[in-house]
Each structure stands twice: as structure tokens, then as C-alpha cells.
Amino acid sequence: LSESARACQVVVWRGRHLLAFQSYPGASELFFATCADSPPTPDSAWSSPRRFLEEANALPWSNFVPGVGYAPDDSSRVRRAIDPTLVADPETGVLHCFFVGTTKKEGAAKHCNLLGHATCVDLDLKIWEMRTCNAPLMGAEVHEEGVENISILKEHDGTWTMILSVALRDQHVAYCRSSDLCTWTPAKRCKILPQPFEDWMAAKHGAPSVWVEECGLRCRVRMALMGEDLNGYTSIGIFQAVDFNMLSTHTNHTEDNGACTVWEPAMFEN
């Protein structure tokens, strides 16, 4: 793997360190901060938050805010935008932002989270091209309760892999692939070992956060995963991709092979 990104991860783009996040409570808006230190440390100073991608709060398909209700047709500030994930494409120099909006069908038990996508080449992050103006990138076609909590990895052959959380009540983890960050294969469920699931994640699991660790000539891919047991208690577990060995080779991926389709409990060396 050569690149990775997930929500609330520092991203380097054109020599700048960027950290994107959201405001709470209510509809939520997107903000970013910059750091002059390279690399940033826990003691580094960050700039004041600046709002960006205001278009995400005005999308017609994101019209419901949990705990608030439906957005009035004439209002843009109550349309939800959360979970910004920045991805810097080293080949094109374009900065991508994936984010989550929300809708809800009348009478549905749960709302549906939908994935939006925009791109930017403006160093000040003021000018964006919204690629999901009229419809989300994905969501309801994957599950009636949608998708959220994405992480994106780039492999050495140029393939981008997205790991995402699917649904709310039947929450689980899926993957999809892209060659350009704009068009993605249909999401398919990841296999989490062992099966049947351990007690701490017997009810459901999701909210993945994925990162890459260098291991000599290979890369090891880790994933922190939230699980819920049958009594409603939640825990965090660490997994690793079973198929990480092929990540250091130039593999011709198809929709069903490649990295991050099968995960097992992580093993750590002393």
C-alpha cells in the first residue's frame, strides 16, 4: 500500500498537513485545520478551524438530521454533513473529500446514511467541484440504512480500496474498489474471522478505522472495529488483513480479489 486515508486522519497535500473534522450538535458542518510542522507531533500547533465544502450542507438528497427532523426546502444550514475523509491523489494532485449525508423514508424505522464526494485543486480549499450534486455516490442501494465510516487505501498497482461500515441495526463491514476514486465497484461484505463471531461482537460490528504499518518489504493492514454483544455492550477490537502479503506486489485486481477482503484478530510482536 502506498497511500491511506480515513476520517480525522492528517493528510499531506501539496506540502500542507490537513486535518478535517465536523461540528456538533445539530446538522453538522465541515471544518479543517492546518499544521506547519512536518510531521506534526502531539505538541504541534494547529491553525484555527476553517469551514470548507459548504455545498455539502445544501444537497437535496441529504434532507434529514437525526434528532432534529427533515430539512425545510428553503434552508441549507440544517442539511447534515459528517465524517469528512480527505484523500490526496499523488498522481493527479487532486484533493478528494468523501462525507456522509442523511435521508429517511417516511415510516422507516431508521434513517439512511449516504456517501457524498467532492474534489478540489484550490490550495485554500475554497473552490470545490461537487461530484454528487443530484445523487449520492452510494448508500441506499447497498443497504436501506446506508453506509458510513469509510477508510481508503491505495495499493502499489494503483487500485484504491474503500473499507466502509454498512447499515445501523445489521451493522457490518464491506469493501469496494476504484481506479480513479470516482467510480466504485458494488460494495461487498468483508469476511471477519473467526466465525461464528466472538461474543463481544455477536450482535453487530462496524465503524472501521483502517491504517497501514510497514513491515520490511511488506505492508501490514490493521483495522480497529467496534463490536456490540447481545446485551448491548460495545467494545473495540483490532484486526489485520489476512491477504496483506499480496500488497507489496503488482496484482491485477478484480472485484473479488485483492486486499482487505478477509480479516482476522491482530497479532502483535513483542
C-alpha atoms as a PDB file:
ATOM      1  CA  LEU A   1       0.000   0.000   0.000  1.00  0.00           C
ATOM      2  CA  SER A   2       1.260   3.454  -0.861  1.00  0.00           C
ATOM      3  CA  GLU A   3      -1.496   5.759   0.426  1.00  0.00           C
ATOM      4  CA  SER A   4      -4.238   5.576   3.049  1.00  0.00           C
ATOM      5  CA  ALA A   5      -6.909   7.880   4.454  1.00  0.00           C
ATOM      6  CA  ARG A   6      -9.700   7.739   6.997  1.00  0.00           C
ATOM      7  CA  ALA A   7     -11.901  10.213   8.838  1.00  0.00           C
ATOM      8  CA  CYS A   8      -9.987  12.508  11.204  1.00  0.00           C
ATOM      9  CA  GLN A   9      -6.608  11.441   9.782  1.00  0.00           C
ATOM     10  CA  VAL A  10      -3.924  14.005   8.947  1.00  0.00           C
ATOM     11  CA  VAL A  11      -3.394  14.173   5.176  1.00  0.00           C
ATOM     12  CA  VAL A  12      -0.421  15.743   3.350  1.00  0.00           C
ATOM     13  CA  TRP A  13      -1.464  17.662   0.234  1.00  0.00           C
ATOM     14  CA  ARG A  14       0.834  19.959  -1.711  1.00  0.00           C
ATOM     15  CA  GLY A  15       3.182  20.318   1.234  1.00  0.00           C
ATOM     16  CA  ARG A  16       0.444  21.106   3.763  1.00  0.00           C
ATOM     17  CA  HIS A  17      -0.784  18.936   6.619  1.00  0.00           C
ATOM     18  CA  LEU A  18      -4.597  18.973   6.717  1.00  0.00           C
ATOM     19  CA  LEU A  19      -6.980  17.679   9.370  1.00  0.00           C
ATOM     20  CA  ALA A  20     -10.708  17.610   8.546  1.00  0.00           C
ATOM     21  CA  PHE A  21     -13.487  17.226  11.109  1.00  0.00           C
ATOM     22  CA  GLN A  22     -17.122  18.169  11.773  1.00  0.00           C
ATOM     23  CA  SER A  23     -19.100  20.326  14.175  1.00  0.00           C
ATOM     24  CA  TYR A  24     -21.711  19.053  16.615  1.00  0.00           C
ATOM     25  CA  PRO A  25     -24.567  19.076  17.554  1.00  0.00           C
ATOM     26  CA  GLY A  26     -27.311  19.601  15.001  1.00  0.00           C
ATOM     27  CA  ALA A  27     -26.869  19.383  11.263  1.00  0.00           C
ATOM     28  CA  SER A  28     -23.054  19.426  11.451  1.00  0.00           C
ATOM     29  CA  GLU A  29     -20.710  21.360   9.188  1.00  0.00           C
ATOM     30  CA  LEU A  30     -17.246  20.502   7.847  1.00  0.00           C
ATOM     31  CA  PHE A  31     -14.057  22.192   9.046  1.00  0.00           C
ATOM     32  CA  PHE A  32     -10.308  21.809   8.533  1.00  0.00           C
ATOM     33  CA  ALA A  33      -7.128  22.959  10.228  1.00  0.00           C
ATOM     34  CA  THR A  34      -3.508  23.098   9.036  1.00  0.00           C
ATOM     35  CA  CYS A  35      -0.169  22.491  10.733  1.00  0.00           C
ATOM     36  CA  ALA A  36       3.203  23.923   9.719  1.00  0.00           C
ATOM     37  CA  ASP A  37       5.251  21.171  11.390  1.00  0.00           C
ATOM     38  CA  SER A  38       6.412  18.260   9.230  1.00  0.00           C
ATOM     39  CA  PRO A  39       5.490  15.811  10.517  1.00  0.00           C
ATOM     40  CA  PRO A  40       3.058  17.076  13.164  1.00  0.00           C
ATOM     41  CA  THR A  41       3.686  15.964  16.749  1.00  0.00           C
ATOM     42  CA  PRO A  42       1.395  15.871  19.781  1.00  0.00           C
ATOM     43  CA  ASP A  43       2.869  19.273  20.726  1.00  0.00           C
ATOM     44  CA  SER A  44       2.367  20.881  17.317  1.00  0.00           C
ATOM     45  CA  ALA A  45       0.229  23.988  16.970  1.00  0.00           C
ATOM     46  CA  TRP A  46      -2.688  23.891  14.535  1.00  0.00           C
ATOM     47  CA  SER A  47      -4.461  26.750  12.828  1.00  0.00           C
ATOM     48  CA  SER A  48      -7.915  27.867  13.867  1.00  0.00           C
ATOM     49  CA  PRO A  49     -10.690  25.757  12.299  1.00  0.00           C
ATOM     50  CA  ARG A  50     -11.946  26.962   8.935  1.00  0.00           C
ATOM     51  CA  ARG A  51     -15.210  25.868   7.399  1.00  0.00           C
ATOM     52  CA  PHE A  52     -14.980  24.211   3.984  1.00  0.00           C
ATOM     53  CA  LEU A  53     -17.179  22.500   1.399  1.00  0.00           C
ATOM     54  CA  GLU A  54     -20.291  24.416   2.407  1.00  0.00           C
ATOM     55  CA  GLU A  55     -22.017  22.869  -0.617  1.00  0.00           C
ATOM     56  CA  ALA A  56     -22.297  19.637   1.387  1.00  0.00           C
ATOM     57  CA  ASN A  57     -24.915  21.321   3.603  1.00  0.00           C
ATOM     58  CA  ALA A  58     -27.108  22.201   0.626  1.00  0.00           C
ATOM     59  CA  LEU A  59     -27.508  18.868  -1.165  1.00  0.00           C
ATOM     60  CA  PRO A  60     -31.101  17.868  -1.940  1.00  0.00           C
ATOM     61  CA  TRP A  61     -30.548  14.177  -1.164  1.00  0.00           C
ATOM     62  CA  SER A  62     -29.311  14.895   2.377  1.00  0.00           C
ATOM     63  CA  ASN A  63     -32.530  16.129   3.938  1.00  0.00           C
ATOM     64  CA  PHE A  64     -32.790  14.545   7.392  1.00  0.00           C
ATOM     65  CA  VAL A  65     -30.972  15.212  10.667  1.00  0.00           C
ATOM     66  CA  PRO A  66     -31.316  12.526  13.379  1.00  0.00           C
ATOM     67  CA  GLY A  67     -32.840  14.089  16.472  1.00  0.00           C
ATOM     68  CA  VAL A  68     -33.926  17.182  14.526  1.00  0.00           C
ATOM     69  CA  GLY A  69     -36.060  16.028  11.612  1.00  0.00           C
ATOM     70  CA  TYR A  70     -36.477  16.853   7.934  1.00  0.00           C
ATOM     71  CA  ALA A  71     -34.826  19.898   6.414  1.00  0.00           C
ATOM     72  CA  PRO A  72     -37.111  22.667   5.125  1.00  0.00           C
ATOM     73  CA  ASP A  73     -36.858  23.041   1.364  1.00  0.00           C
ATOM     74  CA  ASP A  74     -35.695  26.653   1.652  1.00  0.00           C
ATOM     75  CA  SER A  75     -32.944  26.015   4.209  1.00  0.00           C
ATOM     76  CA  SER A  76     -29.377  24.847   3.573  1.00  0.00           C
ATOM     77  CA  ARG A  77     -27.861  25.058   7.047  1.00  0.00           C
ATOM     78  CA  VAL A  78     -29.798  22.157   8.521  1.00  0.00           C
ATOM     79  CA  ARG A  79     -28.706  19.606   5.952  1.00  0.00           C
ATOM     80  CA  ARG A  80     -26.301  17.158   7.559  1.00  0.00           C
ATOM     81  CA  ALA A  81     -22.645  16.665   6.528  1.00  0.00           C
ATOM     82  CA  ILE A  82     -20.392  14.500   8.739  1.00  0.00           C
ATOM     83  CA  ASP A  83     -17.368  12.182   8.652  1.00  0.00           C
ATOM     84  CA  PRO A  84     -15.112  14.078   6.204  1.00  0.00           C
ATOM     85  CA  THR A  85     -12.381  11.831   4.787  1.00  0.00           C
ATOM     86  CA  LEU A  86      -9.679  13.613   2.768  1.00  0.00           C
ATOM     87  CA  VAL A  87      -7.718  11.683   0.130  1.00  0.00           C
ATOM     88  CA  ALA A  88      -4.792  13.270  -1.731  1.00  0.00           C
ATOM     89  CA  ASP A  89      -4.235  11.594  -5.104  1.00  0.00           C
ATOM     90  CA  PRO A  90      -0.464  11.744  -5.776  1.00  0.00           C
ATOM     91  CA  GLU A  91      -0.921  11.034  -9.486  1.00  0.00           C
ATOM     92  CA  THR A  92      -3.327  13.869 -10.286  1.00  0.00           C
ATOM     93  CA  GLY A  93      -2.644  16.289  -7.436  1.00  0.00           C
ATOM     94  CA  VAL A  94      -6.381  16.440  -6.741  1.00  0.00           C
ATOM     95  CA  LEU A  95      -7.746  16.504  -3.190  1.00  0.00           C
ATOM     96  CA  HIS A  96     -10.847  14.353  -2.704  1.00  0.00           C
ATOM     97  CA  CYS A  97     -13.317  14.708   0.150  1.00  0.00           C
ATOM     98  CA  PHE A  98     -15.808  11.963   0.978  1.00  0.00           C
ATOM     99  CA  PHE A  99     -18.514  12.806   3.504  1.00  0.00           C
ATOM    100  CA  VAL A 100     -21.814  11.468   4.815  1.00  0.00           C
ATOM    101  CA  GLY A 101     -25.283  12.978   4.475  1.00  0.00           C
ATOM    102  CA  THR A 102     -28.578  11.520   5.663  1.00  0.00           C
ATOM    103  CA  THR A 103     -32.129  10.924   4.454  1.00  0.00           C
ATOM    104  CA  LYS A 104     -35.108   8.995   5.769  1.00  0.00           C
ATOM    105  CA  LYS A 105     -38.093   7.437   4.063  1.00  0.00           C
ATOM    106  CA  GLU A 106     -41.477   8.182   5.558  1.00  0.00           C
ATOM    107  CA  GLY A 107     -42.345   5.415   8.009  1.00  0.00           C
ATOM    108  CA  ALA A 108     -38.857   3.878   8.022  1.00  0.00           C
ATOM    109  CA  ALA A 109     -37.558   2.669  11.378  1.00  0.00           C
ATOM    110  CA  LYS A 110     -34.099   4.138  10.782  1.00  0.00           C
ATOM    111  CA  HIS A 111     -32.549   6.882   8.706  1.00  0.00           C
ATOM    112  CA  CYS A 112     -30.259   6.126   5.771  1.00  0.00           C
ATOM    113  CA  ASN A 113     -26.678   7.440   5.590  1.00  0.00           C
ATOM    114  CA  LEU A 114     -25.459   8.410   2.117  1.00  0.00           C
ATOM    115  CA  LEU A 115     -21.911   8.984   0.837  1.00  0.00           C
ATOM    116  CA  GLY A 116     -21.067  12.247  -0.916  1.00  0.00           C
ATOM    117  CA  HIS A 117     -17.950  13.139  -2.907  1.00  0.00           C
ATOM    118  CA  ALA A 118     -16.238  16.375  -3.972  1.00  0.00           C
ATOM    119  CA  THR A 119     -12.835  17.302  -5.425  1.00  0.00           C
ATOM    120  CA  CYS A 120     -10.564  20.324  -5.077  1.00  0.00           C
ATOM    121  CA  VAL A 121      -7.401  21.816  -6.606  1.00  0.00           C
ATOM    122  CA  ASP A 122      -7.642  25.148  -4.755  1.00  0.00           C
ATOM    123  CA  LEU A 123      -4.884  25.497  -2.157  1.00  0.00           C
ATOM    124  CA  ASP A 124      -7.224  27.436   0.139  1.00  0.00           C
ATOM    125  CA  LEU A 125      -9.911  24.707  -0.055  1.00  0.00           C
ATOM    126  CA  LYS A 126     -12.494  27.325  -1.016  1.00  0.00           C
ATOM    127  CA  ILE A 127     -13.398  26.082  -4.510  1.00  0.00           C
ATOM    128  CA  TRP A 128     -14.760  22.544  -4.809  1.00  0.00           C
ATOM    129  CA  GLU A 129     -16.344  20.516  -7.574  1.00  0.00           C
ATOM    130  CA  MET A 130     -19.294  18.630  -6.121  1.00  0.00           C
ATOM    131  CA  ARG A 131     -19.464  15.268  -7.897  1.00  0.00           C
ATOM    132  CA  THR A 132     -22.632  14.137  -6.152  1.00  0.00           C
ATOM    133  CA  CYS A 133     -24.941  17.100  -6.699  1.00  0.00           C
ATOM    134  CA  ASN A 134     -28.120  15.241  -7.556  1.00  0.00           C
ATOM    135  CA  ALA A 135     -27.492  11.801  -6.072  1.00  0.00           C
ATOM    136  CA  PRO A 136     -25.052  10.288  -3.544  1.00  0.00           C
ATOM    137  CA  LEU A 137     -22.074   8.179  -4.539  1.00  0.00           C
ATOM    138  CA  MET A 138     -23.558   5.202  -2.689  1.00  0.00           C
ATOM    139  CA  GLY A 139     -25.922   4.398   0.147  1.00  0.00           C
ATOM    140  CA  ALA A 140     -29.443   3.032  -0.167  1.00  0.00           C
ATOM    141  CA  GLU A 141     -28.532   0.578  -2.948  1.00  0.00           C
ATOM    142  CA  VAL A 142     -26.008  -1.033  -0.576  1.00  0.00           C
ATOM    143  CA  HIS A 143     -28.460  -1.239   2.356  1.00  0.00           C
ATOM    144  CA  GLU A 144     -31.689   0.513   3.317  1.00  0.00           C
ATOM    145  CA  GLU A 145     -29.801   2.114   6.226  1.00  0.00           C
ATOM    146  CA  GLY A 146     -26.880   3.196   4.054  1.00  0.00           C
ATOM    147  CA  VAL A 147     -23.126   3.441   4.600  1.00  0.00           C
ATOM    148  CA  GLU A 148     -20.656   5.490   6.692  1.00  0.00           C
ATOM    149  CA  ASN A 149     -17.238   5.434   8.441  1.00  0.00           C
ATOM    150  CA  ILE A 150     -15.052   4.929   5.378  1.00  0.00           C
ATOM    151  CA  SER A 151     -11.320   4.317   5.103  1.00  0.00           C
ATOM    152  CA  ILE A 152      -9.496   4.365   1.745  1.00  0.00           C
ATOM    153  CA  LEU A 153      -6.236   2.601   0.861  1.00  0.00           C
ATOM    154  CA  LYS A 154      -4.119   2.788  -2.286  1.00  0.00           C
ATOM    155  CA  GLU A 155      -2.198  -0.288  -3.361  1.00  0.00           C
ATOM    156  CA  HIS A 156       1.038  -0.345  -5.324  1.00  0.00           C
ATOM    157  CA  ASP A 157      -0.739  -1.244  -8.556  1.00  0.00           C
ATOM    158  CA  GLY A 158      -2.845   1.917  -8.324  1.00  0.00           C
ATOM    159  CA  THR A 159      -6.042   0.272  -7.112  1.00  0.00           C
ATOM    160  CA  TRP A 160      -7.980   2.165  -4.449  1.00  0.00           C
ATOM    161  CA  THR A 161      -9.825   0.089  -1.845  1.00  0.00           C
ATOM    162  CA  MET A 162     -12.572   1.522   0.339  1.00  0.00           C
ATOM    163  CA  ILE A 163     -13.498  -0.151   3.630  1.00  0.00           C
ATOM    164  CA  LEU A 164     -16.853   1.040   4.942  1.00  0.00           C
ATOM    165  CA  SER A 165     -19.488   0.444   7.580  1.00  0.00           C
ATOM    166  CA  VAL A 166     -22.834  -0.762   6.224  1.00  0.00           C
ATOM    167  CA  ALA A 167     -26.244  -0.396   7.915  1.00  0.00           C
ATOM    168  CA  LEU A 168     -27.087   0.503  11.522  1.00  0.00           C
ATOM    169  CA  ARG A 169     -29.119  -2.323  13.079  1.00  0.00           C
ATOM    170  CA  ASP A 170     -27.422  -5.063  10.999  1.00  0.00           C
ATOM    171  CA  GLN A 171     -24.118  -3.224  11.005  1.00  0.00           C
ATOM    172  CA  HIS A 172     -21.191  -4.891   9.231  1.00  0.00           C
ATOM    173  CA  VAL A 173     -18.086  -4.065   7.169  1.00  0.00           C
ATOM    174  CA  ALA A 174     -17.779  -4.097   3.379  1.00  0.00           C
ATOM    175  CA  TYR A 175     -15.245  -3.207   0.682  1.00  0.00           C
ATOM    176  CA  CYS A 176     -15.286  -1.798  -2.844  1.00  0.00           C
ATOM    177  CA  ARG A 177     -12.622  -0.799  -5.376  1.00  0.00           C
ATOM    178  CA  SER A 178     -11.805   2.024  -7.769  1.00  0.00           C
ATOM    179  CA  SER A 179      -9.141   3.038 -10.268  1.00  0.00           C
ATOM    180  CA  ASP A 180      -9.877   6.783 -10.072  1.00  0.00           C
ATOM    181  CA  LEU A 181     -11.629   7.458  -6.711  1.00  0.00           C
ATOM    182  CA  CYS A 182     -14.766   8.486  -8.615  1.00  0.00           C
ATOM    183  CA  THR A 183     -16.307   5.240  -9.876  1.00  0.00           C
ATOM    184  CA  TRP A 184     -16.517   2.293  -7.456  1.00  0.00           C
ATOM    185  CA  THR A 185     -17.435  -1.364  -7.731  1.00  0.00           C
ATOM    186  CA  PRO A 186     -20.519  -2.513  -5.798  1.00  0.00           C
ATOM    187  CA  ALA A 187     -19.823  -2.921  -2.072  1.00  0.00           C
ATOM    188  CA  LYS A 188     -19.347  -6.497  -0.884  1.00  0.00           C
ATOM    189  CA  ARG A 189     -19.256  -7.787   2.660  1.00  0.00           C
ATOM    190  CA  CYS A 190     -15.857  -8.444   4.258  1.00  0.00           C
ATOM    191  CA  LYS A 191     -15.259 -11.770   5.948  1.00  0.00           C
ATOM    192  CA  ILE A 192     -14.352 -11.321   9.621  1.00  0.00           C
ATOM    193  CA  LEU A 193     -12.697 -14.280  11.373  1.00  0.00           C
ATOM    194  CA  PRO A 194     -13.278 -16.308  13.434  1.00  0.00           C
ATOM    195  CA  GLN A 195     -16.811 -17.367  12.561  1.00  0.00           C
ATOM    196  CA  PRO A 196     -19.153 -17.594  14.336  1.00  0.00           C
ATOM    197  CA  PHE A 197     -18.225 -14.193  15.754  1.00  0.00           C
ATOM    198  CA  GLU A 198     -16.731 -13.835  19.215  1.00  0.00           C
ATOM    199  CA  ASP A 199     -19.181 -12.871  21.984  1.00  0.00           C
ATOM    200  CA  TRP A 200     -18.102  -9.215  22.124  1.00  0.00           C
ATOM    201  CA  MET A 201     -19.274  -8.651  18.528  1.00  0.00           C
ATOM    202  CA  ALA A 202     -22.067 -11.223  18.328  1.00  0.00           C
ATOM    203  CA  ALA A 203     -24.838  -8.671  17.693  1.00  0.00           C
ATOM    204  CA  LYS A 204     -23.124  -6.457  15.128  1.00  0.00           C
ATOM    205  CA  HIS A 205     -19.845  -4.796  14.198  1.00  0.00           C
ATOM    206  CA  GLY A 206     -18.834  -1.697  12.253  1.00  0.00           C
ATOM    207  CA  ALA A 207     -17.237   1.780  12.348  1.00  0.00           C
ATOM    208  CA  PRO A 208     -13.920   0.529  10.892  1.00  0.00           C
ATOM    209  CA  SER A 209     -10.764   2.613  11.070  1.00  0.00           C
ATOM    210  CA  VAL A 210      -8.026   1.183   8.840  1.00  0.00           C
ATOM    211  CA  TRP A 211      -4.320   2.017   8.699  1.00  0.00           C
ATOM    212  CA  VAL A 212      -1.089   0.658   7.202  1.00  0.00           C
ATOM    213  CA  GLU A 213       2.038  -0.470   9.061  1.00  0.00           C
ATOM    214  CA  GLU A 214       5.312  -1.023   7.214  1.00  0.00           C
ATOM    215  CA  CYS A 215       6.837  -4.465   7.853  1.00  0.00           C
ATOM    216  CA  GLY A 216      10.104  -4.650   5.935  1.00  0.00           C
ATOM    217  CA  LEU A 217       9.313  -5.233   2.270  1.00  0.00           C
ATOM    218  CA  ARG A 218       5.655  -5.836   3.050  1.00  0.00           C
ATOM    219  CA  CYS A 219       2.793  -3.849   4.484  1.00  0.00           C
ATOM    220  CA  ARG A 220       0.505  -4.929   7.274  1.00  0.00           C
ATOM    221  CA  VAL A 221      -3.027  -3.530   7.260  1.00  0.00           C
ATOM    222  CA  ARG A 222      -4.754  -3.098  10.619  1.00  0.00           C
ATOM    223  CA  MET A 223      -8.370  -2.299  11.399  1.00  0.00           C
ATOM    224  CA  ALA A 224      -9.935  -1.090  14.629  1.00  0.00           C
ATOM    225  CA  LEU A 225     -13.524  -2.323  14.761  1.00  0.00           C
ATOM    226  CA  MET A 226     -16.382  -1.597  17.139  1.00  0.00           C
ATOM    227  CA  GLY A 227     -18.431  -4.623  18.163  1.00  0.00           C
ATOM    228  CA  GLU A 228     -21.641  -4.974  20.155  1.00  0.00           C
ATOM    229  CA  ASP A 229     -22.574  -8.046  22.191  1.00  0.00           C
ATOM    230  CA  LEU A 230     -26.063  -9.488  22.677  1.00  0.00           C
ATOM    231  CA  ASN A 231     -26.561  -7.365  25.819  1.00  0.00           C
ATOM    232  CA  GLY A 232     -25.886  -4.099  24.011  1.00  0.00           C
ATOM    233  CA  TYR A 233     -22.357  -3.513  25.341  1.00  0.00           C
ATOM    234  CA  THR A 234     -19.739  -2.229  22.903  1.00  0.00           C
ATOM    235  CA  SER A 235     -16.019  -2.969  22.660  1.00  0.00           C
ATOM    236  CA  ILE A 236     -13.137  -2.214  20.300  1.00  0.00           C
ATOM    237  CA  GLY A 237     -11.085  -4.966  18.667  1.00  0.00           C
ATOM    238  CA  ILE A 238      -8.011  -4.863  16.396  1.00  0.00           C
ATOM    239  CA  PHE A 239      -7.894  -6.981  13.231  1.00  0.00           C
ATOM    240  CA  GLN A 240      -5.418  -7.459  10.409  1.00  0.00           C
ATOM    241  CA  ALA A 241      -5.951  -8.219   6.733  1.00  0.00           C
ATOM    242  CA  VAL A 242      -5.316 -11.899   6.015  1.00  0.00           C
ATOM    243  CA  ASP A 243      -4.389 -11.125   2.408  1.00  0.00           C
ATOM    244  CA  PHE A 244      -1.791  -8.455   3.196  1.00  0.00           C
ATOM    245  CA  ASN A 245       1.056 -10.490   1.626  1.00  0.00           C
ATOM    246  CA  MET A 246      -0.022  -9.540  -1.882  1.00  0.00           C
ATOM    247  CA  LEU A 247       0.032  -5.828  -1.101  1.00  0.00           C
ATOM    248  CA  SER A 248       3.717  -5.474  -1.974  1.00  0.00           C
ATOM    249  CA  THR A 249       3.258  -6.990  -5.444  1.00  0.00           C
ATOM    250  CA  HIS A 250       1.647  -5.668  -8.598  1.00  0.00           C
ATOM    251  CA  THR A 251      -1.588  -7.625  -8.604  1.00  0.00           C
ATOM    252  CA  ASN A 252      -4.259  -7.299 -11.255  1.00  0.00           C
ATOM    253  CA  HIS A 253      -7.275  -6.858  -9.018  1.00  0.00           C
ATOM    254  CA  THR A 254     -10.775  -7.910  -9.864  1.00  0.00           C
ATOM    255  CA  GLU A 255     -13.895  -7.107  -7.896  1.00  0.00           C
ATOM    256  CA  ASP A 256     -13.422 -10.196  -5.725  1.00  0.00           C
ATOM    257  CA  ASN A 257      -9.681 -10.472  -5.141  1.00  0.00           C
ATOM    258  CA  GLY A 258      -7.016  -8.198  -3.723  1.00  0.00           C
ATOM    259  CA  ALA A 259      -6.503  -6.771  -0.275  1.00  0.00           C
ATOM    260  CA  CYS A 260      -8.742  -6.341   2.734  1.00  0.00           C
ATOM    261  CA  THR A 261     -11.500  -8.823   1.910  1.00  0.00           C
ATOM    262  CA  VAL A 262     -10.745 -11.189   4.829  1.00  0.00           C
ATOM    263  CA  TRP A 263      -9.756 -10.093   8.340  1.00  0.00           C
ATOM    264  CA  GLU A 264      -8.510 -11.957  11.425  1.00  0.00           C
ATOM    265  CA  PRO A 265      -7.724 -10.900  15.020  1.00  0.00           C
ATOM    266  CA  ALA A 266      -4.449  -8.947  15.040  1.00  0.00           C
ATOM    267  CA  MET A 267      -1.254 -10.459  16.391  1.00  0.00           C
ATOM    268  CA  PHE A 268       1.384  -8.177  17.850  1.00  0.00           C
ATOM    269  CA  GLU A 269       5.087  -8.982  18.215  1.00  0.00           C
ATOM    270  CA  ASN A 270       6.969  -8.045  21.353  1.00  0.00           C
END
